[in-house]
Amino acid sequence: KESPRKESRDDMELIAGQKLKLNELAPGDTVTVQVAFRLPDTDISVFGLDDERQLKDDRYMVFFNQPRSPHGEIQADFTAEQATFKVRLGDLPPGVTRLMFTATHDTRPLRDAQQLALTLGPARFDVLPGLQGEKAVMLAELYRHGGEWRVNMVAQGFNGGLAALVTYFGGEVAEDGAGGTGADDTVPAPLPPAPPPAVPTGGPVNLSKNQTVNLSKVSAEPLTRVTFGLGWEPSVQGRSVDLDAG
């Protein structure tokens, strides 16, 4: 009697929408993700997000101009046609529960690339077949669920480019920034949009760490002067200084 054939994980091809437990592809606490591409001026990045897929700390956006996170939990190496990310999952801060790997281009849709593929362990994900006119694409996501890490092949994005991508993750982009958010931007169905931030209507504005406020929306009157101040309580033995900025 012939023995059942065990499925091999060697050279495993993944498809858009597929989800797997990460330890099936990359056992251990350190993960290496490679993105190969063949389209000049393509930028490959990874966003460290919270459970709501929001970027609370822009130091955890790792890209060409910022190739490592604050403590080296995420480190990137870039060549002309490949980006390699090494991630120490156990060292990520509690607020970073998702890692979204992305590809963007300022002027051309990424489907023009001769190659755009993500490799994780023995698995390879060819992103190109599912693309249309997107200039910013979420390639794949590592996320923590039920105490373990999983991976999701996304392959969805935005026609508006990097600006639309950053805005979707809760960041702010100058209106004249590259790849603006035009009317043809598309929002992928599987990822729910972030709730819009509350806009203050006047009076004091209480901010939490890393929170931003668009001052042009505080009042209908033009903003002409901003004053900053510092306040502190004198240090006493056994207690650090309480310093407040306003």
Protein backbone atom coordinates (compact mmCIF):
# COMPACT_ATOMS: atom_id res chain seq x y z
CA LYS A 1 0.00 0.00 0.00
CA GLU A 2 1.39 3.38 -1.02
CA SER A 3 2.12 5.77 1.86
CA PRO A 4 0.36 9.14 1.86
CA ARG A 5 2.51 11.80 0.22
CA LYS A 6 3.46 14.66 2.50
CA GLU A 7 3.12 18.11 0.95
CA SER A 8 6.47 19.85 0.62
CA ARG A 9 6.95 23.46 1.72
CA ASP A 10 9.91 23.93 -0.65
CA ASP A 11 9.35 26.64 -3.25
CA MET A 12 5.82 27.20 -2.01
CA GLU A 13 3.79 29.64 -4.12
CA LEU A 14 1.32 31.86 -2.25
CA ILE A 15 -1.70 33.68 -3.66
CA ALA A 16 -3.48 36.95 -2.81
CA GLY A 17 -5.71 36.63 0.25
CA GLN A 18 -3.94 33.55 1.59
CA LYS A 19 -3.27 33.46 5.33
CA LEU A 20 -0.89 31.19 7.20
CA LYS A 21 0.62 30.79 10.63
CA LEU A 22 4.02 32.41 10.41
CA ASN A 23 5.83 29.53 12.09
CA GLU A 24 4.82 27.30 9.16
CA LEU A 25 7.09 29.40 6.94
CA ALA A 26 9.65 30.90 9.31
CA PRO A 27 10.04 29.15 12.67
CA GLY A 28 11.84 31.16 15.30
CA ASP A 29 11.74 34.71 16.56
CA THR A 30 13.72 36.35 13.74
CA VAL A 31 12.07 36.65 10.34
CA THR A 32 13.61 37.66 7.01
CA VAL A 33 11.37 39.14 4.33
CA GLN A 34 12.72 39.92 0.86
CA VAL A 35 11.01 41.95 -1.87
CA ALA A 36 12.41 41.69 -5.39
CA PHE A 37 11.34 44.26 -7.98
CA ARG A 38 12.31 45.44 -11.43
CA LEU A 39 11.01 48.97 -11.92
CA PRO A 40 13.37 51.93 -11.40
CA ASP A 41 12.51 54.32 -8.53
CA THR A 42 10.31 51.79 -6.73
CA ASP A 43 10.33 52.28 -2.96
CA ILE A 44 9.86 49.33 -0.60
CA SER A 45 8.87 50.05 3.03
CA VAL A 46 7.44 48.40 6.13
CA PHE A 47 4.97 50.11 8.49
CA GLY A 48 4.82 49.11 12.15
CA LEU A 49 1.11 49.44 13.02
CA ASP A 50 -1.20 48.87 15.97
CA ASP A 51 -4.30 46.65 16.08
CA GLU A 52 -6.31 49.32 14.21
CA ARG A 53 -3.66 49.46 11.45
CA GLN A 54 -2.57 52.93 12.52
CA LEU A 55 1.00 54.25 12.59
CA LYS A 56 1.37 55.68 16.11
CA ASP A 57 5.15 56.12 15.97
CA ASP A 58 6.72 57.12 12.64
CA ARG A 59 10.06 55.71 13.84
CA TYR A 60 8.55 52.33 13.01
CA MET A 61 8.16 53.20 9.35
CA VAL A 62 11.32 51.62 7.93
CA PHE A 63 12.33 52.65 4.41
CA PHE A 64 15.35 53.81 2.37
CA ASN A 65 15.90 57.01 4.37
CA GLN A 66 15.23 55.32 7.74
CA PRO A 67 16.61 51.78 7.41
CA ARG A 68 16.12 50.67 11.01
CA SER A 69 13.62 51.04 13.86
CA PRO A 70 14.70 52.75 17.13
CA HIS A 71 16.23 49.66 18.74
CA GLY A 72 17.05 47.67 15.63
CA GLU A 73 14.01 45.39 15.91
CA ILE A 74 13.49 46.01 12.18
CA GLN A 75 16.52 46.43 9.93
CA ALA A 76 16.49 46.88 6.18
CA ASP A 77 19.06 46.52 3.44
CA PHE A 78 18.39 47.96 -0.01
CA THR A 79 19.94 47.24 -3.40
CA ALA A 80 18.90 48.34 -6.89
CA GLU A 81 16.32 45.56 -7.27
CA GLN A 82 15.80 44.06 -3.83
CA ALA A 83 14.87 45.06 -0.27
CA THR A 84 15.66 42.74 2.64
CA PHE A 85 14.04 43.20 6.06
CA LYS A 86 15.18 41.36 9.18
CA VAL A 87 12.64 41.51 12.01
CA ARG A 88 13.07 40.44 15.63
CA LEU A 89 9.41 39.89 16.44
CA GLY A 90 9.89 39.37 20.18
CA ASP A 91 11.62 42.75 20.55
CA LEU A 92 8.85 44.83 18.98
CA PRO A 93 7.09 47.18 21.42
CA PRO A 94 3.59 46.15 22.62
CA GLY A 95 1.95 48.82 20.46
CA VAL A 96 3.35 47.36 17.23
CA THR A 97 1.22 44.31 16.48
CA ARG A 98 1.21 44.47 12.67
CA LEU A 99 3.91 44.89 10.04
CA MET A 100 2.71 45.94 6.59
CA PHE A 101 5.20 45.57 3.75
CA THR A 102 4.52 47.99 0.90
CA ALA A 103 5.75 49.06 -2.53
CA THR A 104 5.21 52.56 -3.96
CA HIS A 105 6.11 54.54 -7.05
CA ASP A 106 5.71 58.28 -7.59
CA THR A 107 4.64 58.27 -11.23
CA ARG A 108 4.06 54.78 -12.63
CA PRO A 109 1.64 51.99 -11.72
CA LEU A 110 3.45 49.07 -10.16
CA ARG A 111 1.99 46.63 -12.67
CA ASP A 112 4.60 48.09 -15.07
CA ALA A 113 7.28 46.29 -13.07
CA GLN A 114 8.84 43.28 -14.72
CA GLN A 115 8.97 41.70 -11.28
CA LEU A 116 7.37 42.35 -7.89
CA ALA A 117 7.56 39.37 -5.56
CA LEU A 118 7.85 38.84 -1.81
CA THR A 119 9.77 35.90 -0.32
CA LEU A 120 9.32 34.61 3.22
CA GLY A 121 11.18 31.44 4.11
CA PRO A 122 10.42 28.81 1.45
CA ALA A 123 7.36 30.71 0.21
CA ARG A 124 7.15 33.18 -2.65
CA PHE A 125 4.29 35.57 -3.39
CA ASP A 126 4.06 37.02 -6.91
CA VAL A 127 2.16 40.30 -6.45
CA LEU A 128 1.89 41.36 -10.11
CA PRO A 129 -1.10 39.24 -11.30
CA GLY A 130 -3.57 41.07 -9.03
CA LEU A 131 -2.47 44.63 -9.80
CA GLN A 132 -4.18 47.23 -11.97
CA GLY A 133 -3.36 50.95 -11.75
CA GLU A 134 -2.06 51.14 -8.17
CA LYS A 135 1.00 53.28 -7.43
CA ALA A 136 1.02 52.13 -3.79
CA VAL A 137 0.49 48.48 -2.91
CA MET A 138 0.27 46.66 0.42
CA LEU A 139 2.18 43.48 -0.37
CA ALA A 140 1.83 41.36 2.76
CA GLU A 141 1.12 41.77 6.45
CA LEU A 142 2.55 40.05 9.51
CA TYR A 143 0.14 40.34 12.42
CA ARG A 144 -0.15 39.05 15.97
CA HIS A 145 -3.35 37.13 16.71
CA GLY A 146 -4.17 34.96 19.70
CA GLY A 147 -0.60 35.07 20.97
CA GLU A 148 0.99 33.98 17.70
CA TRP A 149 2.16 35.67 14.51
CA ARG A 150 0.44 35.09 11.20
CA VAL A 151 0.96 36.30 7.64
CA ASN A 152 -1.60 37.62 5.15
CA MET A 153 -0.94 38.07 1.43
CA VAL A 154 -2.70 41.36 0.65
CA ALA A 155 -1.76 42.68 -2.84
CA GLN A 156 -4.09 45.67 -2.71
CA GLY A 157 -3.47 49.40 -2.75
CA PHE A 158 -4.17 52.89 -3.93
CA ASN A 159 -3.97 54.73 -7.24
CA GLY A 160 -2.94 57.86 -5.32
CA GLY A 161 0.50 56.54 -4.40
CA LEU A 162 2.43 57.06 -1.19
CA ALA A 163 0.25 59.95 0.05
CA ALA A 164 -2.88 57.79 0.00
CA LEU A 165 -1.03 54.97 1.74
CA VAL A 166 0.34 57.14 4.56
CA THR A 167 -3.04 58.81 5.07
CA TYR A 168 -4.74 55.41 5.30
CA PHE A 169 -2.34 54.45 8.09
CA GLY A 170 -3.21 57.60 10.05
CA GLY A 171 -0.29 59.78 8.96
CA GLU A 172 -0.40 63.26 7.47
CA VAL A 173 0.98 64.31 4.09
CA ALA A 174 1.46 67.86 2.83
CA GLU A 175 -1.05 68.81 0.16
CA ASP A 176 1.69 69.30 -2.40
CA GLY A 177 3.38 65.98 -1.54
CA ALA A 178 4.22 63.48 -4.24
CA GLY A 179 1.51 61.06 -5.25
CA GLY A 180 -1.44 63.07 -3.93
CA THR A 181 -4.77 61.56 -3.05
CA GLY A 182 -6.88 61.97 -6.14
CA ALA A 183 -10.48 60.99 -6.76
CA ASP A 184 -9.38 57.67 -8.25
CA ASP A 185 -7.81 56.40 -5.01
CA THR A 186 -9.09 52.97 -4.09
CA VAL A 187 -9.59 51.58 -0.58
CA PRO A 188 -9.16 47.78 -0.32
CA ALA A 189 -12.21 46.05 1.04
CA PRO A 190 -10.59 43.66 3.57
CA LEU A 191 -8.94 46.49 5.54
CA PRO A 192 -11.44 48.75 7.36
CA PRO A 193 -10.69 52.50 7.13
CA ALA A 194 -9.48 54.26 10.24
CA PRO A 195 -12.04 56.45 12.03
CA PRO A 196 -11.55 60.16 11.24
CA PRO A 197 -9.80 62.11 14.02
CA ALA A 198 -11.88 64.55 16.02
CA VAL A 199 -11.34 68.16 14.93
CA PRO A 200 -11.17 70.66 17.82
CA THR A 201 -13.59 73.56 17.59
CA GLY A 202 -11.81 76.00 19.91
CA GLY A 203 -10.24 76.36 23.34
CA PRO A 204 -7.49 74.14 24.76
CA VAL A 205 -6.42 71.03 22.84
CA ASN A 206 -5.20 68.10 24.93
CA LEU A 207 -2.74 65.92 23.01
CA SER A 208 -1.40 62.47 23.75
CA LYS A 209 2.07 61.32 22.80
CA ASN A 210 2.73 61.31 19.02
CA GLN A 211 -0.73 62.77 18.29
CA THR A 212 -0.96 65.48 15.63
CA VAL A 213 -3.50 68.24 15.03
CA ASN A 214 -4.09 70.25 11.88
CA LEU A 215 -4.06 73.80 13.26
CA SER A 216 -5.80 75.22 10.20
CA LYS A 217 -8.95 73.39 11.35
CA VAL A 218 -8.96 74.68 14.92
CA SER A 219 -10.82 77.86 14.05
CA ALA A 220 -12.42 79.54 11.08
CA GLU A 221 -10.26 82.60 11.80
CA PRO A 222 -6.75 82.66 10.27
CA LEU A 223 -4.04 81.47 12.64
CA THR A 224 -1.49 84.29 13.06
CA ARG A 225 0.47 83.49 16.23
CA VAL A 226 1.43 80.38 18.20
CA THR A 227 3.02 80.55 21.68
CA PHE A 228 4.85 77.65 23.28
CA GLY A 229 5.65 77.38 27.01
CA LEU A 230 7.36 75.09 29.47
CA GLY A 231 6.36 74.45 33.07
CA TRP A 232 7.91 72.28 35.74
CA GLU A 233 7.87 71.47 39.42
CA PRO A 234 11.15 71.72 41.35
CA SER A 235 12.91 68.44 41.87
CA VAL A 236 12.92 67.03 45.38
CA GLN A 237 14.91 64.14 46.75
CA GLY A 238 13.73 60.81 45.36
CA ARG A 239 11.56 62.31 42.61
CA SER A 240 12.31 63.29 39.02
CA VAL A 241 11.37 66.63 37.51
CA ASP A 242 7.81 66.90 36.13
CA LEU A 243 8.26 68.88 32.90
CA ASP A 244 5.24 69.95 30.85
CA ALA A 245 5.19 71.62 27.44
CA GLY A 246 2.24 73.54 26.10
